[in-house]
Amino acid sequence: MNDRMFTDKADKPDDRGLQEALGKSAALWKKIRLHIKDQYGRTDEEWKHYGASSGWTLKVLLKKRNLMIDIKVGC
Protein backbone atom coordinates (compact mmCIF):
# COMPACT_ATOMS: atom_id res chain seq x y z
CA MET A 1 0.00 0.00 0.00
CA ASN A 2 1.26 3.47 -0.85
CA ASP A 3 1.71 5.47 2.37
CA ARG A 4 1.23 8.74 0.45
CA MET A 5 -2.30 8.31 -0.82
CA PHE A 6 -4.54 11.20 -1.88
CA THR A 7 -1.81 13.75 -2.51
CA ASP A 8 -3.14 14.49 -6.01
CA LYS A 9 -5.88 17.12 -6.13
CA ALA A 10 -7.65 15.03 -8.78
CA ASP A 11 -7.74 12.00 -6.41
CA LYS A 12 -10.38 13.14 -3.90
CA PRO A 13 -10.91 10.57 -1.13
CA ASP A 14 -14.00 8.39 -1.39
CA ASP A 15 -15.36 5.60 0.79
CA ARG A 16 -13.53 2.88 -1.13
CA GLY A 17 -10.20 4.72 -1.05
CA LEU A 18 -10.56 5.51 2.64
CA GLN A 19 -11.36 1.86 3.36
CA GLU A 20 -8.14 0.85 1.61
CA ALA A 21 -6.05 3.57 3.27
CA LEU A 22 -7.39 2.98 6.79
CA GLY A 23 -7.43 -0.82 6.68
CA LYS A 24 -8.58 -2.23 10.03
CA SER A 25 -9.13 1.31 11.35
CA ALA A 26 -11.91 1.88 8.81
CA ALA A 27 -14.44 0.32 11.20
CA LEU A 28 -13.45 2.82 13.90
CA TRP A 29 -13.71 5.69 11.41
CA LYS A 30 -17.26 4.56 10.58
CA LYS A 31 -18.15 4.51 14.30
CA ILE A 32 -16.77 8.03 14.76
CA ARG A 33 -18.87 9.34 11.86
CA LEU A 34 -22.00 7.63 13.23
CA HIS A 35 -21.32 9.05 16.71
CA ILE A 36 -21.04 12.58 15.29
CA LYS A 37 -24.33 12.11 13.44
CA ASP A 38 -26.03 10.79 16.60
CA GLN A 39 -24.70 13.65 18.75
CA TYR A 40 -25.11 16.59 16.40
CA GLY A 41 -27.66 15.57 13.78
CA ARG A 42 -27.08 17.03 10.36
CA THR A 43 -23.51 18.06 9.67
CA ASP A 44 -21.73 18.85 6.44
CA GLU A 45 -18.48 17.25 5.38
CA GLU A 46 -16.12 19.20 3.18
CA TRP A 47 -12.94 17.79 1.68
CA LYS A 48 -10.18 20.38 1.22
CA HIS A 49 -6.96 19.96 -0.70
CA TYR A 50 -4.14 22.22 0.49
CA GLY A 51 -1.40 20.95 -1.82
CA ALA A 52 0.51 17.81 -2.68
CA SER A 53 2.61 17.95 0.48
CA SER A 54 -0.48 18.22 2.70
CA GLY A 55 -2.94 16.03 0.85
CA TRP A 56 -6.64 16.09 1.63
CA THR A 57 -8.30 17.12 4.90
CA LEU A 58 -11.91 16.45 5.88
CA LYS A 59 -13.66 19.25 7.73
CA VAL A 60 -16.90 18.50 9.57
CA LEU A 61 -19.13 21.54 9.78
CA LEU A 62 -22.10 22.20 12.04
CA LYS A 63 -24.17 25.14 10.86
CA LYS A 64 -21.26 26.41 8.75
CA ARG A 65 -18.87 26.36 11.72
CA ASN A 66 -16.01 23.91 12.12
CA LEU A 67 -17.06 21.11 14.40
CA MET A 68 -13.74 19.44 13.81
CA ILE A 69 -11.03 19.01 11.27
CA ASP A 70 -10.96 15.31 11.01
CA ILE A 71 -8.84 13.16 8.92
CA LYS A 72 -5.81 14.15 6.96
CA VAL A 73 -4.76 11.70 4.32
CA GLY A 74 -1.77 11.93 2.05
CA CYS A 75 0.94 13.21 4.35
C-alpha atoms as a PDB file:
ATOM      1  CA  MET A   1       0.000   0.000   0.000  1.00  0.00           C
ATOM      2  CA  ASN A   2       1.260   3.467  -0.854  1.00  0.00           C
ATOM      3  CA  ASP A   3       1.708   5.466   2.374  1.00  0.00           C
ATOM      4  CA  ARG A   4       1.232   8.744   0.454  1.00  0.00           C
ATOM      5  CA  MET A   5      -2.302   8.309  -0.822  1.00  0.00           C
ATOM      6  CA  PHE A   6      -4.538  11.199  -1.883  1.00  0.00           C
ATOM      7  CA  THR A   7      -1.809  13.751  -2.513  1.00  0.00           C
ATOM      8  CA  ASP A   8      -3.138  14.492  -6.012  1.00  0.00           C
ATOM      9  CA  LYS A   9      -5.878  17.117  -6.132  1.00  0.00           C
ATOM     10  CA  ALA A  10      -7.655  15.028  -8.779  1.00  0.00           C
ATOM     11  CA  ASP A  11      -7.737  12.004  -6.407  1.00  0.00           C
ATOM     12  CA  LYS A  12     -10.384  13.142  -3.898  1.00  0.00           C
ATOM     13  CA  PRO A  13     -10.909  10.565  -1.132  1.00  0.00           C
ATOM     14  CA  ASP A  14     -14.004   8.393  -1.391  1.00  0.00           C
ATOM     15  CA  ASP A  15     -15.357   5.599   0.793  1.00  0.00           C
ATOM     16  CA  ARG A  16     -13.534   2.882  -1.126  1.00  0.00           C
ATOM     17  CA  GLY A  17     -10.204   4.721  -1.052  1.00  0.00           C
ATOM     18  CA  LEU A  18     -10.561   5.514   2.636  1.00  0.00           C
ATOM     19  CA  GLN A  19     -11.356   1.856   3.365  1.00  0.00           C
ATOM     20  CA  GLU A  20      -8.143   0.852   1.611  1.00  0.00           C
ATOM     21  CA  ALA A  21      -6.047   3.571   3.267  1.00  0.00           C
ATOM     22  CA  LEU A  22      -7.392   2.982   6.788  1.00  0.00           C
ATOM     23  CA  GLY A  23      -7.425  -0.822   6.677  1.00  0.00           C
ATOM     24  CA  LYS A  24      -8.579  -2.229  10.033  1.00  0.00           C
ATOM     25  CA  SER A  25      -9.127   1.312  11.353  1.00  0.00           C
ATOM     26  CA  ALA A  26     -11.915   1.885   8.808  1.00  0.00           C
ATOM     27  CA  ALA A  27     -14.440   0.324  11.203  1.00  0.00           C
ATOM     28  CA  LEU A  28     -13.451   2.817  13.905  1.00  0.00           C
ATOM     29  CA  TRP A  29     -13.710   5.685  11.411  1.00  0.00           C
ATOM     30  CA  LYS A  30     -17.265   4.564  10.579  1.00  0.00           C
ATOM     31  CA  LYS A  31     -18.153   4.510  14.300  1.00  0.00           C
ATOM     32  CA  ILE A  32     -16.774   8.026  14.756  1.00  0.00           C
ATOM     33  CA  ARG A  33     -18.875   9.342  11.862  1.00  0.00           C
ATOM     34  CA  LEU A  34     -22.005   7.635  13.230  1.00  0.00           C
ATOM     35  CA  HIS A  35     -21.318   9.050  16.706  1.00  0.00           C
ATOM     36  CA  ILE A  36     -21.042  12.576  15.286  1.00  0.00           C
ATOM     37  CA  LYS A  37     -24.329  12.110  13.438  1.00  0.00           C
ATOM     38  CA  ASP A  38     -26.031  10.791  16.599  1.00  0.00           C
ATOM     39  CA  GLN A  39     -24.703  13.648  18.751  1.00  0.00           C
ATOM     40  CA  TYR A  40     -25.108  16.595  16.396  1.00  0.00           C
ATOM     41  CA  GLY A  41     -27.655  15.572  13.784  1.00  0.00           C
ATOM     42  CA  ARG A  42     -27.083  17.031  10.359  1.00  0.00           C
ATOM     43  CA  THR A  43     -23.508  18.062   9.674  1.00  0.00           C
ATOM     44  CA  ASP A  44     -21.728  18.855   6.440  1.00  0.00           C
ATOM     45  CA  GLU A  45     -18.478  17.246   5.380  1.00  0.00           C
ATOM     46  CA  GLU A  46     -16.116  19.198   3.185  1.00  0.00           C
ATOM     47  CA  TRP A  47     -12.941  17.795   1.684  1.00  0.00           C
ATOM     48  CA  LYS A  48     -10.183  20.379   1.222  1.00  0.00           C
ATOM     49  CA  HIS A  49      -6.957  19.957  -0.700  1.00  0.00           C
ATOM     50  CA  TYR A  50      -4.144  22.220   0.493  1.00  0.00           C
ATOM     51  CA  GLY A  51      -1.403  20.951  -1.823  1.00  0.00           C
ATOM     52  CA  ALA A  52       0.510  17.811  -2.685  1.00  0.00           C
ATOM     53  CA  SER A  53       2.607  17.955   0.482  1.00  0.00           C
ATOM     54  CA  SER A  54      -0.484  18.225   2.703  1.00  0.00           C
ATOM     55  CA  GLY A  55      -2.936  16.027   0.846  1.00  0.00           C
ATOM     56  CA  TRP A  56      -6.639  16.091   1.635  1.00  0.00           C
ATOM     57  CA  THR A  57      -8.301  17.119   4.904  1.00  0.00           C
ATOM     58  CA  LEU A  58     -11.911  16.455   5.881  1.00  0.00           C
ATOM     59  CA  LYS A  59     -13.661  19.250   7.726  1.00  0.00           C
ATOM     60  CA  VAL A  60     -16.900  18.496   9.566  1.00  0.00           C
ATOM     61  CA  LEU A  61     -19.132  21.535   9.784  1.00  0.00           C
ATOM     62  CA  LEU A  62     -22.100  22.203  12.044  1.00  0.00           C
ATOM     63  CA  LYS A  63     -24.171  25.142  10.865  1.00  0.00           C
ATOM     64  CA  LYS A  64     -21.261  26.415   8.750  1.00  0.00           C
ATOM     65  CA  ARG A  65     -18.874  26.358  11.723  1.00  0.00           C
ATOM     66  CA  ASN A  66     -16.013  23.909  12.125  1.00  0.00           C
ATOM     67  CA  LEU A  67     -17.061  21.114  14.401  1.00  0.00           C
ATOM     68  CA  MET A  68     -13.744  19.440  13.810  1.00  0.00           C
ATOM     69  CA  ILE A  69     -11.032  19.006  11.270  1.00  0.00           C
ATOM     70  CA  ASP A  70     -10.956  15.305  11.013  1.00  0.00           C
ATOM     71  CA  ILE A  71      -8.843  13.162   8.921  1.00  0.00           C
ATOM     72  CA  LYS A  72      -5.815  14.147   6.964  1.00  0.00           C
ATOM     73  CA  VAL A  73      -4.756  11.700   4.316  1.00  0.00           C
ATOM     74  CA  GLY A  74      -1.771  11.925   2.053  1.00  0.00           C
ATOM     75  CA  CYS A  75       0.943  13.207   4.347  1.00  0.00           C
END
